[in-house]
């Protein structure tokens, strides 16, 4: 199964709104610019969408961070999409939410925008905490029950709900991380729900307060291991054949080429952009001279 996807973008939460990157290079030279994470107002614990700041700190094992706050969908629709469309720049919208309804609401708002034609793909974050009502049929507070990726059936329903909100020919991708207890089951569920590419993140929970994750070069082996495992499952017909994107530990040309050699069709750059945003263009240029990974199987289940 083939699908277009950008060779390199910033990871969600690491490129600002995407517009800030224009100070460091020509955005038109990239395949697409990622915007996000995008979520409903009040989606984040620390003050709601866009009002909190992600925290990044050094540890003996690498960098530890808290999730980036979500950009309010209203800001994306009213300000960012018009800016990108006016310049003819395709974007990838990274979306997250605690419930399928929250994600669907964000996608509906994006779809209603007159500038939606600039959206080339949507990434649904399965690393986000899923929420459930405390009692069936009762409106009110919700409990966090772990990330979406911990429940393949919930992932299938989430992706199916997202797919219904989008044009059939628009690329829909699903992002899962190293903490996923059963990556193969979650990958099958995501593709079964409508994802046509998988974004594989090596980030893992860090010791300490909840919702902290280890990121940066130290998690490169986790990312490559996850890509290798899913590629092997694709070859064995245990996961449908879709492109893979590697994120986590990809911080320069060498590691980007390593991810490509392992089987990733694309990469995302995260903390590397904090030190040198220009690396985004350097890696993009380098990957134009590297052949994409060969297809491993035409078998789907």
Protein backbone atom coordinates (compact mmCIF):
# COMPACT_ATOMS: atom_id res chain seq x y z
CA UNK A 1 0.00 0.00 0.00
CA UNK A 2 1.56 3.31 -1.00
CA UNK A 3 0.83 6.81 0.24
CA UNK A 4 2.41 10.22 -0.20
CA UNK A 5 4.00 11.62 2.92
CA UNK A 6 6.65 14.27 3.54
CA UNK A 7 10.24 13.11 3.83
CA UNK A 8 10.88 15.31 6.87
CA UNK A 9 8.89 17.64 9.11
CA UNK A 10 9.25 18.99 12.61
CA UNK A 11 7.69 16.75 15.25
CA UNK A 12 4.46 17.95 16.82
CA UNK A 13 5.20 20.56 19.47
CA UNK A 14 8.79 21.13 18.30
CA UNK A 15 8.31 23.59 15.44
CA UNK A 16 6.06 26.13 17.13
CA UNK A 17 3.08 26.87 14.93
CA UNK A 18 5.26 26.06 11.92
CA UNK A 19 5.23 29.68 10.85
CA UNK A 20 8.19 30.54 13.09
CA UNK A 21 10.41 28.23 11.05
CA UNK A 22 10.23 30.66 8.12
CA UNK A 23 12.95 32.71 9.84
CA UNK A 24 15.45 29.90 9.34
CA UNK A 25 14.82 28.73 5.78
CA UNK A 26 12.50 28.60 2.79
CA UNK A 27 9.39 26.67 3.83
CA UNK A 28 8.55 26.13 0.16
CA UNK A 29 11.66 23.95 -0.13
CA UNK A 30 10.08 21.42 2.25
CA UNK A 31 7.45 18.83 1.30
CA UNK A 32 5.09 20.14 4.00
CA UNK A 33 5.04 21.97 7.33
CA UNK A 34 3.58 20.32 10.43
CA UNK A 35 1.20 22.35 12.60
CA UNK A 36 0.38 21.11 16.04
CA UNK A 37 -0.53 19.57 18.26
CA UNK A 38 -4.00 20.98 17.67
CA UNK A 39 -6.73 20.35 20.20
CA UNK A 40 -9.97 21.65 21.65
CA UNK A 41 -9.83 24.49 24.21
CA UNK A 42 -9.06 23.22 27.70
CA UNK A 43 -7.52 19.99 26.43
CA UNK A 44 -4.38 20.33 28.54
CA UNK A 45 -4.00 19.96 32.28
CA UNK A 46 -1.88 23.07 32.77
CA UNK A 47 -4.12 25.90 31.79
CA UNK A 48 -5.73 24.77 28.58
CA UNK A 49 -4.89 24.99 24.92
CA UNK A 50 -1.98 27.21 24.13
CA UNK A 51 -1.68 28.79 27.59
CA UNK A 52 0.80 26.39 29.19
CA UNK A 53 4.35 25.72 28.15
CA UNK A 54 6.07 22.39 27.68
CA UNK A 55 8.90 21.81 30.14
CA UNK A 56 12.24 20.40 29.01
CA UNK A 57 15.00 19.39 31.40
CA UNK A 58 18.24 17.44 31.25
CA UNK A 59 18.63 14.13 33.07
CA UNK A 60 21.44 11.52 33.29
CA UNK A 61 19.57 9.48 30.65
CA UNK A 62 18.77 12.34 28.27
CA UNK A 63 16.14 15.04 27.92
CA UNK A 64 12.86 14.83 29.82
CA UNK A 65 9.84 16.80 28.67
CA UNK A 66 6.15 17.26 29.35
CA UNK A 67 3.66 17.26 26.44
CA UNK A 68 3.47 20.47 24.44
CA UNK A 69 0.20 22.34 24.97
CA UNK A 70 -2.30 22.13 22.15
CA UNK A 71 -2.83 25.00 19.74
CA UNK A 72 -6.49 26.10 19.87
CA UNK A 73 -8.25 24.96 16.71
CA UNK A 74 -9.76 28.45 16.38
CA UNK A 75 -6.28 29.97 16.13
CA UNK A 76 -5.29 27.43 13.48
CA UNK A 77 -8.42 28.08 11.41
CA UNK A 78 -8.47 31.86 11.72
CA UNK A 79 -4.76 32.64 11.57
CA UNK A 80 -2.44 29.79 10.58
CA UNK A 81 -4.24 28.04 7.71
CA UNK A 82 -4.87 31.35 5.87
CA UNK A 83 -1.18 32.24 6.27
CA UNK A 84 0.03 28.93 4.82
CA UNK A 85 -2.57 28.83 2.04
CA UNK A 86 -1.71 32.37 0.92
CA UNK A 87 1.86 31.19 0.36
CA UNK A 88 0.92 27.91 -1.29
CA UNK A 89 2.47 25.83 1.51
CA UNK A 90 1.00 22.38 2.25
CA UNK A 91 0.62 21.52 5.93
CA UNK A 92 0.20 18.45 8.10
CA UNK A 93 -2.22 19.01 11.00
CA UNK A 94 -1.26 17.01 14.09
CA UNK A 95 -4.44 16.55 16.14
CA UNK A 96 -5.00 15.17 19.62
CA UNK A 97 -7.85 14.80 22.09
CA UNK A 98 -8.93 12.72 25.05
CA UNK A 99 -12.08 11.42 23.39
CA UNK A 100 -13.08 10.47 19.86
CA UNK A 101 -15.66 13.24 20.00
CA UNK A 102 -13.01 15.84 20.87
CA UNK A 103 -10.85 14.76 17.93
CA UNK A 104 -13.87 14.73 15.60
CA UNK A 105 -14.83 18.24 16.72
CA UNK A 106 -11.33 19.55 15.93
CA UNK A 107 -11.39 17.90 12.49
CA UNK A 108 -14.83 19.31 11.75
CA UNK A 109 -13.60 22.80 12.59
CA UNK A 110 -10.59 22.35 10.32
CA UNK A 111 -12.73 20.94 7.50
CA UNK A 112 -15.11 23.91 7.62
CA UNK A 113 -12.25 26.33 7.04
CA UNK A 114 -12.15 28.02 3.64
CA UNK A 115 -8.39 27.39 3.73
CA UNK A 116 -8.62 23.64 4.35
CA UNK A 117 -7.32 22.96 0.83
CA UNK A 118 -3.81 23.67 2.12
CA UNK A 119 -4.04 20.65 4.48
CA UNK A 120 -2.18 17.73 2.88
CA UNK A 121 -2.40 15.27 5.79
CA UNK A 122 -3.73 14.80 9.32
CA UNK A 123 -1.80 13.05 12.09
CA UNK A 124 -3.82 11.62 15.01
CA UNK A 125 -1.83 11.26 18.23
CA UNK A 126 -2.38 7.88 19.91
CA UNK A 127 0.12 8.77 22.66
CA UNK A 128 -2.41 11.16 24.21
CA UNK A 129 -4.22 10.06 27.37
CA UNK A 130 -7.67 8.69 26.62
CA UNK A 131 -10.56 9.81 28.80
CA UNK A 132 -13.73 8.02 29.88
CA UNK A 133 -16.75 9.17 31.85
CA UNK A 134 -16.83 7.85 35.40
CA UNK A 135 -20.28 6.37 34.96
CA UNK A 136 -21.91 5.28 31.74
CA UNK A 137 -24.51 7.73 30.54
CA UNK A 138 -23.54 10.35 33.10
CA UNK A 139 -22.10 13.65 31.96
CA UNK A 140 -19.40 15.15 34.09
CA UNK A 141 -15.76 14.72 35.03
CA UNK A 142 -13.67 12.18 33.19
CA UNK A 143 -10.94 9.78 34.22
CA UNK A 144 -7.70 9.32 32.31
CA UNK A 145 -7.29 5.65 31.45
CA UNK A 146 -3.87 5.67 29.82
CA UNK A 147 -2.82 6.47 26.27
CA UNK A 148 -5.01 5.57 23.31
CA UNK A 149 -2.35 3.18 22.07
CA UNK A 150 -2.88 0.92 25.10
CA UNK A 151 -6.31 -0.09 23.75
CA UNK A 152 -6.26 -1.22 20.10
CA UNK A 153 -10.05 -1.36 19.87
CA UNK A 154 -10.31 2.24 21.06
CA UNK A 155 -7.66 3.20 18.48
CA UNK A 156 -9.64 1.57 15.69
CA UNK A 157 -12.77 3.50 16.68
CA UNK A 158 -10.84 6.77 17.02
CA UNK A 159 -9.24 6.47 13.58
CA UNK A 160 -12.53 5.39 12.00
CA UNK A 161 -14.22 8.44 13.51
CA UNK A 162 -11.42 10.70 12.26
CA UNK A 163 -11.56 9.15 8.78
CA UNK A 164 -15.27 10.02 8.55
CA UNK A 165 -14.51 13.70 9.05
CA UNK A 166 -11.96 13.94 6.22
CA UNK A 167 -11.93 13.68 2.42
CA UNK A 168 -11.25 10.10 1.37
CA UNK A 169 -8.10 11.06 -0.55
CA UNK A 170 -6.52 13.01 2.33
CA UNK A 171 -3.64 11.20 4.05
CA UNK A 172 -4.49 10.16 7.62
CA UNK A 173 -1.64 8.97 9.84
CA UNK A 174 -1.50 7.60 13.40
CA UNK A 175 1.27 8.22 15.91
CA UNK A 176 2.25 5.66 18.56
CA UNK A 177 5.19 5.57 20.96
CA UNK A 178 7.63 3.24 22.63
CA UNK A 179 5.37 2.88 25.66
CA UNK A 180 2.71 1.11 23.55
CA UNK A 181 2.22 -2.35 25.15
CA UNK A 182 1.39 -4.11 21.85
CA UNK A 183 2.65 -2.10 18.85
CA UNK A 184 1.53 -4.73 16.33
CA UNK A 185 -2.07 -4.84 17.58
CA UNK A 186 -2.24 -1.04 17.78
CA UNK A 187 -0.74 -0.67 14.30
CA UNK A 188 -3.27 -3.12 12.83
CA UNK A 189 -6.11 -1.31 14.58
CA UNK A 190 -4.95 2.12 13.40
CA UNK A 191 -4.69 0.98 9.78
CA UNK A 192 -7.99 -0.85 10.09
CA UNK A 193 -9.58 2.42 11.22
CA UNK A 194 -8.27 4.31 8.20
CA UNK A 195 -4.65 5.35 8.87
CA UNK A 196 -2.50 5.10 5.75
CA UNK A 197 0.86 5.69 7.46
CA UNK A 198 2.25 5.11 10.95
CA UNK A 199 4.39 7.60 12.88
CA UNK A 200 6.59 5.64 15.27
CA UNK A 201 7.99 7.53 18.24
CA UNK A 202 10.67 6.16 20.53
CA UNK A 203 9.70 8.40 23.45
CA UNK A 204 9.20 6.47 26.68
CA UNK A 205 7.81 7.47 30.09
CA UNK A 206 10.38 9.00 32.42
CA UNK A 207 10.70 8.29 36.12
CA UNK A 208 9.04 11.04 38.15
CA UNK A 209 5.81 12.99 37.82
CA UNK A 210 3.29 11.54 35.34
CA UNK A 211 3.14 12.66 31.70
CA UNK A 212 6.92 13.13 31.48
CA UNK A 213 8.80 11.42 28.66
CA UNK A 214 12.41 10.79 27.75
CA UNK A 215 13.27 12.33 24.37
CA UNK A 216 16.34 13.30 22.34
CA UNK A 217 19.28 11.31 20.94
CA UNK A 218 19.17 8.76 23.78
CA UNK A 219 15.93 7.22 22.51
CA UNK A 220 17.20 6.67 18.97
CA UNK A 221 17.65 2.90 19.52
CA UNK A 222 14.07 2.63 20.78
CA UNK A 223 12.77 4.36 17.66
CA UNK A 224 14.84 2.18 15.33
CA UNK A 225 13.75 -0.92 17.22
CA UNK A 226 10.12 0.02 16.82
CA UNK A 227 10.55 0.70 13.10
CA UNK A 228 12.38 -2.60 12.67
CA UNK A 229 9.68 -4.51 14.52
CA UNK A 230 6.82 -3.04 12.51
CA UNK A 231 8.67 -3.53 9.21
CA UNK A 232 9.23 -7.19 10.11
CA UNK A 233 5.55 -7.56 10.94
CA UNK A 234 4.64 -6.01 7.59
CA UNK A 235 6.94 -8.45 5.81
CA UNK A 236 5.27 -11.32 7.66
CA UNK A 237 1.79 -10.08 6.76
CA UNK A 238 0.92 -9.35 10.40
CA UNK A 239 0.49 -5.60 9.81
CA UNK A 240 -0.87 -4.03 6.60
CA UNK A 241 1.79 -2.51 4.34
CA UNK A 242 1.84 1.23 5.01
CA UNK A 243 4.70 3.75 5.09
CA UNK A 244 6.46 4.36 8.42
CA UNK A 245 7.76 7.65 9.82
CA UNK A 246 10.46 7.66 12.52
CA UNK A 247 10.54 10.30 15.27
CA UNK A 248 12.70 10.31 18.37
CA UNK A 249 16.48 10.29 18.32
CA UNK A 250 16.57 11.50 14.71
CA UNK A 251 18.67 14.63 15.07
CA UNK A 252 20.99 14.94 12.05
CA UNK A 253 21.70 13.61 8.56
CA UNK A 254 23.40 10.45 9.85
CA UNK A 255 20.52 9.39 12.09
CA UNK A 256 17.95 10.32 9.45
CA UNK A 257 19.70 8.09 6.92
CA UNK A 258 19.92 5.37 9.54
CA UNK A 259 16.17 5.57 10.08
CA UNK A 260 15.61 5.40 6.32
CA UNK A 261 17.89 2.36 6.04
CA UNK A 262 15.95 0.68 8.85
CA UNK A 263 12.72 1.06 6.90
CA UNK A 264 11.27 4.50 7.59
CA UNK A 265 9.93 6.34 4.55
CA UNK A 266 10.05 9.66 6.41
CA UNK A 267 11.36 11.23 9.61
CA UNK A 268 10.36 13.94 12.05
CA UNK A 269 12.85 16.12 13.94
CA UNK A 270 12.18 17.18 17.50
CA UNK A 271 14.66 18.46 20.07
CA UNK A 272 17.34 18.87 17.39
CA UNK A 273 15.46 21.96 16.20
CA UNK A 274 16.00 23.63 19.56
CA UNK A 275 19.73 23.79 18.89
CA UNK A 276 19.69 24.34 15.12
CA UNK A 277 16.43 24.73 13.15
CA UNK A 278 18.47 24.70 9.92
CA UNK A 279 18.91 20.94 10.38
CA UNK A 280 15.36 20.55 9.05
CA UNK A 281 16.49 21.72 5.59
CA UNK A 282 19.79 19.85 5.80
CA UNK A 283 18.05 16.53 6.47
CA UNK A 284 15.41 17.18 3.82
CA UNK A 285 18.08 17.80 1.20
CA UNK A 286 20.06 14.74 2.29
CA UNK A 287 17.05 12.44 2.05
CA UNK A 288 16.33 13.52 -1.52
CA UNK A 289 19.43 11.55 -2.54
CA UNK A 290 18.50 8.42 -0.55
CA UNK A 291 16.24 5.80 -2.12
CA UNK A 292 13.04 5.05 -0.20
CA UNK A 293 12.83 1.68 1.55
CA UNK A 294 11.70 -1.09 -0.83
CA UNK A 295 8.21 -2.53 -0.45
CA UNK A 296 8.23 -5.54 1.84
CA UNK A 297 4.90 -7.17 1.11
CA UNK A 298 1.59 -6.72 -0.67
CA UNK A 299 -0.17 -8.87 1.92
CA UNK A 300 -2.67 -7.31 4.27
CA UNK A 301 -4.77 -8.90 6.99
